[in-house]
């Protein structure tokens, strides 16, 4: 049997080429020539025959198939994009809803929204009150400050909120106050324990009695731990143990402190009321003009060990410090000056500022840092100018320096102008830590902070050597 391979429609195509009317008749009257072979083959032989026969699809089918594939693929892509777009937060308002419903998803949404906004960080003002969410879960944009920001320009740190905290529990870490409060009402009656940072010692001594004289039913009682230790960390610890109504601090709260408060049924917030400068104290006879922040760091890591390396006498450098685990000022120093580097073995840790200043007065090579109001007016030590660069030295005192032999008849005064405009490089916030428990303690902490933010309170802070926030 002979084999002939022919496309089944070949006869029909040939019939269409007839030029005469016979073409139509041929189509209807003449039967197609039957194929001579009807043979079933399979396997390799079928593949060979397919190649030999050159059986192909009509040329119009290929574009049609490609068009169908394109339409189907385009439809799938459009559906996916529509679903993604409807899922993406379009504004901060949408972001709040996303945060409330799914905190885990909020971090992804904020990162996506931030990248799409493509906006300069100086134009975006985000804080915990606007986002109402833990910053430990969300990477919020960080506002860039100028190299020498003034205290008025510095945004008081917004402390990270703890994880697993519902939106109903979260308030802004930094409480926004009225522009120029002139008076404060709603002081609770009774005696309230408070305490904390040693930097607040002058405020407790000179300013708090003015408040209690104005509001006699509001009595404050300073409280420290049994061992007599004081500092920001100790005050916050006592607050968490319900031994204080509110605390005074110079450092932000830690996430673990937020978590501990939540476990006890309340939460914490911070209210900034002012700023303070950190001054460097040395022996009055030390002949050194000043220090840069880099030189100060090198002293405390143990790289610079003799004052002759800094243009001074051949004298061993003896650096003193308080523990960063106990005081906010030491923690601030570690973050701002040490840049995360550990203290060297040459650093001597002391329990209090008073005891440390006595040691510096005894040892000509001693050096120490503390709150500027605690150092500037002292007769037994000398404050040093400091700067970011050698050409940018700024004195923490009003020049000229009053020598030790003229003190206490005359005392050095704080260089308030340099502090206020931000020329001085070491400035930290004064924070009132409030316990939100719906009780009198919460009311006491808020009323105390609000009074310090009044015109009278700010003026008293300025007189005491601190930097007013308004």
Protein backbone atom coordinates (compact mmCIF):
# COMPACT_ATOMS: atom_id res chain seq x y z
CA UNK A 1 0.00 0.00 0.00
CA UNK A 2 1.41 3.33 -1.04
CA UNK A 3 1.57 6.16 1.42
CA UNK A 4 0.38 9.69 0.63
CA UNK A 5 0.26 12.41 3.21
CA UNK A 6 -2.07 15.29 2.53
CA UNK A 7 -3.68 17.98 4.63
CA UNK A 8 -7.42 17.30 4.84
CA UNK A 9 -8.28 20.85 3.63
CA UNK A 10 -5.86 20.90 0.73
CA UNK A 11 -8.57 19.96 -1.77
CA UNK A 12 -10.89 22.72 -0.50
CA UNK A 13 -8.11 25.35 -0.86
CA UNK A 14 -7.45 24.21 -4.42
CA UNK A 15 -11.14 24.46 -5.26
CA UNK A 16 -11.24 28.08 -4.18
CA UNK A 17 -8.63 28.91 -6.83
CA UNK A 18 -10.96 27.94 -9.72
CA UNK A 19 -11.70 31.12 -11.71
CA UNK A 20 -14.94 29.91 -13.26
CA UNK A 21 -18.40 29.15 -11.97
CA UNK A 22 -17.37 25.52 -12.06
CA UNK A 23 -15.55 26.20 -8.85
CA UNK A 24 -18.79 26.35 -6.96
CA UNK A 25 -20.11 23.26 -8.68
CA UNK A 26 -16.87 21.52 -8.06
CA UNK A 27 -17.17 22.18 -4.42
CA UNK A 28 -20.67 20.78 -4.19
CA UNK A 29 -20.63 18.03 -6.85
CA UNK A 30 -17.18 16.62 -6.99
CA UNK A 31 -16.23 14.52 -4.06
CA UNK A 32 -12.76 15.01 -2.76
CA UNK A 33 -10.18 12.50 -3.73
CA UNK A 34 -9.91 10.09 -0.88
CA UNK A 35 -6.65 9.72 0.82
CA UNK A 36 -4.85 6.69 -0.35
CA UNK A 37 -3.59 5.90 3.07
CA UNK A 38 -5.13 5.92 6.49
CA UNK A 39 -2.43 4.63 8.72
CA UNK A 40 -1.96 4.98 12.47
CA UNK A 41 1.57 5.47 13.56
CA UNK A 42 3.04 6.39 16.89
CA UNK A 43 6.30 6.86 18.72
CA UNK A 44 9.45 7.98 16.90
CA UNK A 45 7.93 7.14 13.56
CA UNK A 46 5.08 9.63 14.16
CA UNK A 47 7.58 12.33 14.98
CA UNK A 48 9.56 11.58 11.81
CA UNK A 49 6.47 11.68 9.65
CA UNK A 50 5.41 15.00 11.19
CA UNK A 51 8.69 16.51 10.13
CA UNK A 52 8.50 15.04 6.66
CA UNK A 53 4.90 16.05 6.10
CA UNK A 54 5.61 19.61 7.31
CA UNK A 55 2.22 19.81 8.89
CA UNK A 56 1.86 23.43 10.12
CA UNK A 57 -0.87 25.54 11.58
CA UNK A 58 -2.37 28.22 9.37
CA UNK A 59 -0.34 31.43 9.68
CA UNK A 60 -3.30 33.36 11.07
CA UNK A 61 -3.58 31.06 14.10
CA UNK A 62 -0.19 31.96 15.58
CA UNK A 63 -0.91 35.73 16.03
CA UNK A 64 -4.35 34.89 17.39
CA UNK A 65 -2.91 32.57 20.00
CA UNK A 66 -0.31 35.18 20.97
CA UNK A 67 -3.03 37.82 21.33
CA UNK A 68 -5.08 35.51 23.59
CA UNK A 69 -2.04 34.75 25.72
CA UNK A 70 -1.29 38.47 26.01
CA UNK A 71 -4.85 39.30 27.03
CA UNK A 72 -4.95 36.58 29.66
CA UNK A 73 -1.55 37.56 31.07
CA UNK A 74 -2.47 41.25 31.11
CA UNK A 75 -5.69 40.50 32.93
CA UNK A 76 -3.87 38.52 35.60
CA UNK A 77 -1.29 41.31 36.08
CA UNK A 78 -4.00 44.03 36.27
CA UNK A 79 -5.93 42.05 38.87
CA UNK A 80 -2.81 41.61 41.00
CA UNK A 81 -1.95 45.32 40.80
CA UNK A 82 -5.50 46.34 41.70
CA UNK A 83 -5.46 44.04 44.72
CA UNK A 84 -2.06 45.39 45.82
CA UNK A 85 -3.13 49.01 45.36
CA UNK A 86 -6.29 48.52 47.38
CA UNK A 87 -4.23 46.87 50.11
CA UNK A 88 -1.61 49.66 50.32
CA UNK A 89 -2.09 52.54 52.80
CA UNK A 90 -2.59 55.80 50.92
CA UNK A 91 -2.20 58.18 53.87
CA UNK A 92 -1.28 58.36 57.54
CA UNK A 93 -4.98 57.94 58.34
CA UNK A 94 -5.03 54.65 56.46
CA UNK A 95 -1.82 53.76 58.26
CA UNK A 96 -3.49 54.22 61.65
CA UNK A 97 -6.17 51.73 60.65
CA UNK A 98 -3.49 49.30 59.51
CA UNK A 99 -1.67 49.69 62.81
CA UNK A 100 -4.80 49.09 64.88
CA UNK A 101 -5.76 45.97 62.96
CA UNK A 102 -2.35 44.41 62.46
CA UNK A 103 0.77 45.77 64.22
CA UNK A 104 2.99 43.24 62.44
CA UNK A 105 1.88 44.58 59.09
CA UNK A 106 2.32 48.22 60.13
CA UNK A 107 6.11 48.15 59.81
CA UNK A 108 5.89 46.99 56.20
CA UNK A 109 3.25 49.60 55.38
CA UNK A 110 5.23 52.48 56.88
CA UNK A 111 8.40 51.54 55.02
CA UNK A 112 6.44 51.29 51.78
CA UNK A 113 4.59 54.55 52.34
CA UNK A 114 7.78 56.39 53.31
CA UNK A 115 9.61 55.28 50.16
CA UNK A 116 6.68 56.31 47.95
CA UNK A 117 6.32 59.75 49.55
CA UNK A 118 9.94 60.60 48.58
CA UNK A 119 9.70 63.61 50.89
CA UNK A 120 12.52 65.36 52.71
CA UNK A 121 12.58 64.35 56.39
CA UNK A 122 12.52 67.98 57.46
CA UNK A 123 9.03 68.34 55.98
CA UNK A 124 7.51 65.38 57.79
CA UNK A 125 6.58 65.76 61.41
CA UNK A 126 5.76 62.31 62.81
CA UNK A 127 5.56 61.54 66.47
CA UNK A 128 3.98 58.92 68.64
CA UNK A 129 0.83 60.99 69.01
CA UNK A 130 0.24 61.10 65.26
CA UNK A 131 1.09 57.49 64.56
CA UNK A 132 -0.22 56.09 67.85
CA UNK A 133 2.04 53.07 67.59
CA UNK A 134 5.19 51.55 69.13
CA UNK A 135 8.31 52.83 67.44
CA UNK A 136 9.97 49.53 68.29
CA UNK A 137 7.70 48.00 65.66
CA UNK A 138 7.87 50.83 63.15
CA UNK A 139 10.84 52.46 61.48
CA UNK A 140 9.67 56.04 61.53
CA UNK A 141 11.72 58.72 59.72
CA UNK A 142 14.34 60.43 61.86
CA UNK A 143 14.42 64.25 61.67
CA UNK A 144 17.91 65.52 60.88
CA UNK A 145 19.09 68.37 63.10
CA UNK A 146 21.70 71.01 62.20
CA UNK A 147 25.25 70.48 63.42
CA UNK A 148 24.73 72.91 66.29
CA UNK A 149 20.98 72.93 66.98
CA UNK A 150 19.64 75.37 69.52
CA UNK A 151 17.62 74.04 72.43
CA UNK A 152 14.53 75.63 70.91
CA UNK A 153 15.12 73.59 67.73
CA UNK A 154 15.84 70.30 69.44
CA UNK A 155 12.93 67.92 69.47
CA UNK A 156 12.82 66.21 72.84
CA UNK A 157 13.34 62.50 72.24
CA UNK A 158 10.25 60.46 71.70
CA UNK A 159 10.83 57.26 73.56
CA UNK A 160 10.12 53.91 71.91
CA UNK A 161 6.90 52.38 73.14
CA UNK A 162 6.87 48.74 74.21
CA UNK A 163 5.77 45.96 71.91
CA UNK A 164 2.37 44.33 72.17
CA UNK A 165 0.72 47.52 73.30
CA UNK A 166 -2.79 48.20 72.01
CA UNK A 167 -3.67 51.53 70.45
CA UNK A 168 -6.11 52.27 73.25
CA UNK A 169 -3.26 52.08 75.76
CA UNK A 170 -0.83 54.32 73.90
CA UNK A 171 -0.55 58.05 74.48
CA UNK A 172 2.12 60.33 73.08
CA UNK A 173 5.39 59.84 74.96
CA UNK A 174 5.91 63.58 74.89
CA UNK A 175 2.83 65.46 76.07
CA UNK A 176 2.07 68.56 74.07
CA UNK A 177 1.42 71.59 76.25
CA UNK A 178 -0.33 74.91 75.57
CA UNK A 179 1.75 77.64 73.93
CA UNK A 180 2.07 79.96 76.94
CA UNK A 181 0.33 78.55 80.00
CA UNK A 182 0.02 81.19 82.68
CA UNK A 183 -1.46 79.10 85.45
CA UNK A 184 -2.12 75.51 86.32
CA UNK A 185 -5.19 74.11 87.98
CA UNK A 186 -6.23 70.70 89.27
CA UNK A 187 -3.37 70.18 91.70
CA UNK A 188 -4.29 67.19 93.85
CA UNK A 189 -4.24 67.56 97.60
CA UNK A 190 -1.89 65.48 99.71
CA UNK A 191 1.74 64.51 100.00
CA UNK A 192 3.45 63.00 96.96
CA UNK A 193 6.83 61.27 96.85
CA UNK A 194 9.12 62.15 93.93
CA UNK A 195 12.81 61.94 93.03
CA UNK A 196 15.34 60.80 90.45
CA UNK A 197 18.10 62.58 88.55
CA UNK A 198 20.80 64.40 90.50
CA UNK A 199 20.70 67.06 87.77
CA UNK A 200 17.34 68.06 89.23
CA UNK A 201 18.85 68.73 92.67
CA UNK A 202 18.91 72.51 92.20
CA UNK A 203 15.31 72.44 91.00
CA UNK A 204 14.26 70.53 94.10
CA UNK A 205 16.19 72.93 96.29
CA UNK A 206 15.38 76.30 94.71
CA UNK A 207 12.24 75.98 92.58
CA UNK A 208 9.97 73.36 94.16
CA UNK A 209 9.56 75.38 97.40
CA UNK A 210 8.12 78.24 95.30
CA UNK A 211 5.51 75.88 93.89
CA UNK A 212 4.57 74.49 97.29
CA UNK A 213 4.23 78.00 98.71
CA UNK A 214 1.83 78.86 95.89
CA UNK A 215 -0.15 75.62 96.26
CA UNK A 216 0.15 74.61 99.94
CA UNK A 217 -2.22 71.65 99.60
CA UNK A 218 0.22 70.09 97.11
CA UNK A 219 3.10 68.74 99.20
CA UNK A 220 6.22 67.13 97.69
CA UNK A 221 8.52 64.74 99.53
CA UNK A 222 11.89 63.81 98.00
CA UNK A 223 12.48 60.06 98.19
CA UNK A 224 15.62 58.03 97.38
CA UNK A 225 16.43 54.35 97.69
CA UNK A 226 17.49 52.83 101.00
CA UNK A 227 21.13 52.87 99.94
CA UNK A 228 20.95 56.59 99.27
CA UNK A 229 21.64 56.17 95.54
CA UNK A 230 19.94 58.64 93.24
CA UNK A 231 19.76 59.22 89.51
CA UNK A 232 17.39 58.93 86.58
CA UNK A 233 17.45 55.13 86.52
CA UNK A 234 16.92 54.87 90.26
CA UNK A 235 14.00 57.29 90.14
CA UNK A 236 12.31 55.36 87.33
CA UNK A 237 12.90 52.12 89.21
CA UNK A 238 11.20 53.53 92.31
CA UNK A 239 8.34 54.82 90.17
CA UNK A 240 7.79 51.35 88.73
CA UNK A 241 7.82 49.95 92.25
CA UNK A 242 5.05 52.39 93.23
CA UNK A 243 7.31 54.20 95.69
CA UNK A 244 7.09 57.50 93.77
CA UNK A 245 4.17 59.45 92.34
CA UNK A 246 6.35 60.71 89.46
CA UNK A 247 10.05 60.77 88.57
CA UNK A 248 12.58 63.34 87.36
CA UNK A 249 14.92 62.19 84.58
CA UNK A 250 17.49 63.34 82.05
CA UNK A 251 17.26 60.26 79.85
CA UNK A 252 14.51 58.64 77.78
CA UNK A 253 12.66 55.62 79.06
CA UNK A 254 13.85 52.18 78.02
CA UNK A 255 11.52 49.67 76.30
CA UNK A 256 11.88 47.24 79.21
CA UNK A 257 10.62 49.96 81.56
CA UNK A 258 7.54 50.45 79.43
CA UNK A 259 6.94 46.71 79.43
CA UNK A 260 7.24 46.46 83.20
CA UNK A 261 4.74 49.29 83.64
CA UNK A 262 2.21 47.61 81.36
CA UNK A 263 2.49 44.37 83.29
CA UNK A 264 1.57 46.33 86.42
CA UNK A 265 -1.52 47.86 84.84
CA UNK A 266 -0.33 51.37 83.90
CA UNK A 267 1.94 53.03 81.37
CA UNK A 268 4.59 55.78 81.43
CA UNK A 269 5.12 58.97 79.45
CA UNK A 270 7.64 61.81 79.46
CA UNK A 271 7.01 65.55 79.55
CA UNK A 272 10.03 67.73 78.63
CA UNK A 273 10.18 70.94 80.66
CA UNK A 274 13.65 72.30 79.85
CA UNK A 275 17.27 71.49 78.98
CA UNK A 276 20.55 71.37 80.83
CA UNK A 277 24.16 71.61 79.68
CA UNK A 278 26.87 69.12 80.62
CA UNK A 279 30.09 70.78 81.85
CA UNK A 280 33.60 69.38 82.23
CA UNK A 281 35.32 69.98 85.59
CA UNK A 282 39.10 69.92 86.21
CA UNK A 283 41.42 71.13 88.96
CA UNK A 284 41.62 74.96 89.14
CA UNK A 285 45.42 74.90 88.57
CA UNK A 286 45.32 72.75 85.41
CA UNK A 287 46.73 74.77 82.49
CA UNK A 288 44.62 73.41 79.60
CA UNK A 289 42.68 75.78 77.35
CA UNK A 290 39.89 73.36 76.44
CA UNK A 291 38.98 69.99 74.96
CA UNK A 292 37.28 68.78 71.81
CA UNK A 293 34.68 66.02 72.06
CA UNK A 294 37.13 63.65 70.34
CA UNK A 295 39.83 64.41 72.92
CA UNK A 296 37.32 63.93 75.71
CA UNK A 297 36.39 60.53 74.29
CA UNK A 298 40.05 59.52 73.96
CA UNK A 299 40.60 60.38 77.64
CA UNK A 300 37.72 58.16 78.77
CA UNK A 301 38.67 55.20 76.56
CA UNK A 302 42.23 55.34 77.91
CA UNK A 303 43.99 56.48 74.75
CA UNK A 304 45.11 59.82 76.23
CA UNK A 305 46.64 59.29 79.67
CA UNK A 306 48.82 62.38 80.31
CA UNK A 307 47.88 66.06 80.14
CA UNK A 308 51.10 66.82 78.22
CA UNK A 309 49.49 65.03 75.27
CA UNK A 310 46.99 67.90 75.24
CA UNK A 311 49.39 70.80 75.70
CA UNK A 312 49.24 70.71 79.50
CA UNK A 313 51.72 69.74 82.24
CA UNK A 314 53.37 66.33 82.62
CA UNK A 315 50.58 65.00 84.79
CA UNK A 316 48.62 61.77 84.78
CA UNK A 317 44.98 62.14 83.71
CA UNK A 318 42.53 60.70 86.26
CA UNK A 319 39.02 60.47 84.70
CA UNK A 320 35.99 60.06 86.99
CA UNK A 321 32.42 59.08 86.14
CA UNK A 322 29.19 57.87 87.65
CA UNK A 323 27.67 54.60 86.47
CA UNK A 324 25.61 54.84 83.27
CA UNK A 325 23.29 52.20 84.72
CA UNK A 326 22.26 54.61 87.48
CA UNK A 327 22.38 58.14 86.07
CA UNK A 328 20.93 59.67 82.93
CA UNK A 329 23.86 62.08 82.59
CA UNK A 330 26.36 59.22 82.41
CA UNK A 331 24.18 57.44 79.86
CA UNK A 332 23.96 60.65 77.82
CA UNK A 333 27.76 61.01 77.99
CA UNK A 334 28.24 57.44 76.76
CA UNK A 335 25.92 58.02 73.80
CA UNK A 336 27.00 61.54 72.83
CA UNK A 337 30.73 61.53 73.60
CA UNK A 338 31.83 57.90 73.83
CA UNK A 339 29.79 56.97 70.73
CA UNK A 340 29.07 53.54 72.17
CA UNK A 341 32.69 52.77 73.15
CA UNK A 342 33.25 51.39 76.65
CA UNK A 343 35.08 53.27 79.37
CA UNK A 344 38.75 52.43 79.72
CA UNK A 345 40.21 50.69 82.75
CA UNK A 346 41.59 54.06 83.89
CA UNK A 347 38.10 55.46 84.60
CA UNK A 348 37.17 55.58 88.31
CA UNK A 349 33.45 55.09 89.00
CA UNK A 350 32.04 57.17 91.84
CA UNK A 351 28.72 57.03 93.73
CA UNK A 352 27.73 60.74 93.71
CA UNK A 353 28.64 64.03 92.05
CA UNK A 354 29.46 65.67 95.38
CA UNK A 355 32.03 63.02 96.26
CA UNK A 356 33.50 63.12 92.75
CA UNK A 357 34.00 66.90 92.75
CA UNK A 358 35.88 66.55 96.04
CA UNK A 359 38.23 64.06 94.40
CA UNK A 360 38.85 66.35 91.42
CA UNK A 361 39.65 69.20 93.83
CA UNK A 362 42.24 66.98 95.56
CA UNK A 363 43.95 65.55 92.47
CA UNK A 364 45.44 68.06 89.97
CA UNK A 365 45.06 65.55 87.12
CA UNK A 366 41.40 64.78 87.76
CA UNK A 367 38.57 65.33 85.27
CA UNK A 368 34.81 64.83 85.58
CA UNK A 369 31.56 65.70 83.76
CA UNK A 370 28.20 66.64 85.30
CA UNK A 371 25.26 68.99 85.01
CA UNK A 372 26.55 72.51 84.31
CA UNK A 373 24.65 74.15 87.22
CA UNK A 374 26.39 71.70 89.56
CA UNK A 375 29.85 72.71 88.29
CA UNK A 376 29.86 76.31 87.03
CA UNK A 377 29.46 78.03 90.42
CA UNK A 378 31.87 75.77 92.32
CA UNK A 379 34.97 77.34 93.90
CA UNK A 380 37.08 74.15 94.14
CA UNK A 381 36.98 73.06 90.46
CA UNK A 382 37.26 74.81 87.10
CA UNK A 383 34.92 74.33 84.12
CA UNK A 384 36.64 73.79 80.75
CA UNK A 385 35.54 75.12 77.35
CA UNK A 386 34.63 72.32 74.92
CA UNK A 387 33.86 72.14 71.21
CA UNK A 388 33.31 69.83 68.29
CA UNK A 389 36.48 71.18 66.70
CA UNK A 390 39.50 73.05 68.08
CA UNK A 391 38.31 76.25 66.40
CA UNK A 392 34.81 75.90 67.91
CA UNK A 393 35.53 76.01 71.64
CA UNK A 394 32.60 77.30 73.71
CA UNK A 395 32.82 78.21 77.39
CA UNK A 396 30.01 76.92 79.63
CA UNK A 397 30.56 80.00 81.83
CA UNK A 398 30.25 83.70 81.05
CA UNK A 399 33.74 84.98 80.26
CA UNK A 400 36.07 86.01 81.72
CA UNK A 401 36.62 83.07 84.06
CA UNK A 402 36.43 83.98 87.74
CA UNK A 403 39.59 82.54 89.37
CA UNK A 404 39.29 80.30 92.42
CA UNK A 405 40.93 82.84 94.72
CA UNK A 406 38.05 85.29 94.11
CA UNK A 407 35.36 82.72 94.91
CA UNK A 408 32.93 82.75 96.74
CA UNK A 409 32.84 86.54 96.67
CA UNK A 410 32.37 86.17 92.93
CA UNK A 411 31.23 83.06 91.17
CA UNK A 412 31.18 81.98 87.57
CA UNK A 413 27.82 82.27 85.84
CA UNK A 414 26.27 79.99 83.24
CA UNK A 415 26.79 81.09 79.63
CA UNK A 416 23.04 81.11 78.99
CA UNK A 417 23.31 82.83 75.60
CA UNK A 418 25.58 80.15 74.15
CA UNK A 419 23.37 77.42 75.59
CA UNK A 420 20.15 78.96 74.31
CA UNK A 421 21.28 79.40 70.70
CA UNK A 422 22.78 75.92 70.57
CA UNK A 423 26.49 76.71 70.24
CA UNK A 424 27.36 74.55 73.21
CA UNK A 425 27.71 70.90 72.10
CA UNK A 426 26.50 68.95 75.16
CA UNK A 427 22.85 69.55 76.05
CA UNK A 428 20.29 67.07 77.36
CA UNK A 429 16.55 67.33 78.20
CA UNK A 430 14.86 67.61 81.59
CA UNK A 431 11.96 65.14 81.67
CA UNK A 432 9.10 64.55 84.10
CA UNK A 433 8.12 60.86 83.95
CA UNK A 434 4.39 60.46 84.57
CA UNK A 435 2.64 57.27 85.68
CA UNK A 436 -0.71 56.93 83.87
CA UNK A 437 -2.82 55.00 86.34
CA UNK A 438 -5.93 57.17 86.49
CA UNK A 439 -5.16 57.99 90.13
CA UNK A 440 -3.85 60.98 92.07
CA UNK A 441 -0.24 60.09 91.18
CA UNK A 442 -0.96 60.72 87.50
CA UNK A 443 -2.64 64.02 88.29
CA UNK A 444 0.31 65.05 90.49
CA UNK A 445 2.92 64.32 87.81
CA UNK A 446 1.01 66.19 85.11
CA UNK A 447 0.30 69.20 87.33
CA UNK A 448 3.96 69.43 88.40
CA UNK A 449 5.21 69.33 84.79
CA UNK A 450 2.57 71.79 83.62
CA UNK A 451 3.57 74.29 86.30
CA UNK A 452 7.23 74.10 85.23
CA UNK A 453 6.04 74.94 81.72
CA UNK A 454 4.26 78.11 82.83
CA UNK A 455 5.96 81.48 82.38
CA UNK A 456 6.80 81.50 86.10
CA UNK A 457 8.23 77.97 86.03
CA UNK A 458 10.35 78.65 82.94
CA UNK A 459 11.73 81.82 84.45
CA UNK A 460 12.70 79.95 87.61
CA UNK A 461 14.49 77.30 85.53
CA UNK A 462 16.45 80.03 83.77
CA UNK A 463 17.47 81.63 87.07
CA UNK A 464 18.65 78.25 88.38
CA UNK A 465 21.03 77.86 85.43
CA UNK A 466 18.91 75.67 83.14
CA UNK A 467 17.75 76.34 79.60
CA UNK A 468 14.09 77.22 79.23
CA UNK A 469 12.12 75.30 76.62
CA UNK A 470 9.79 78.19 75.71
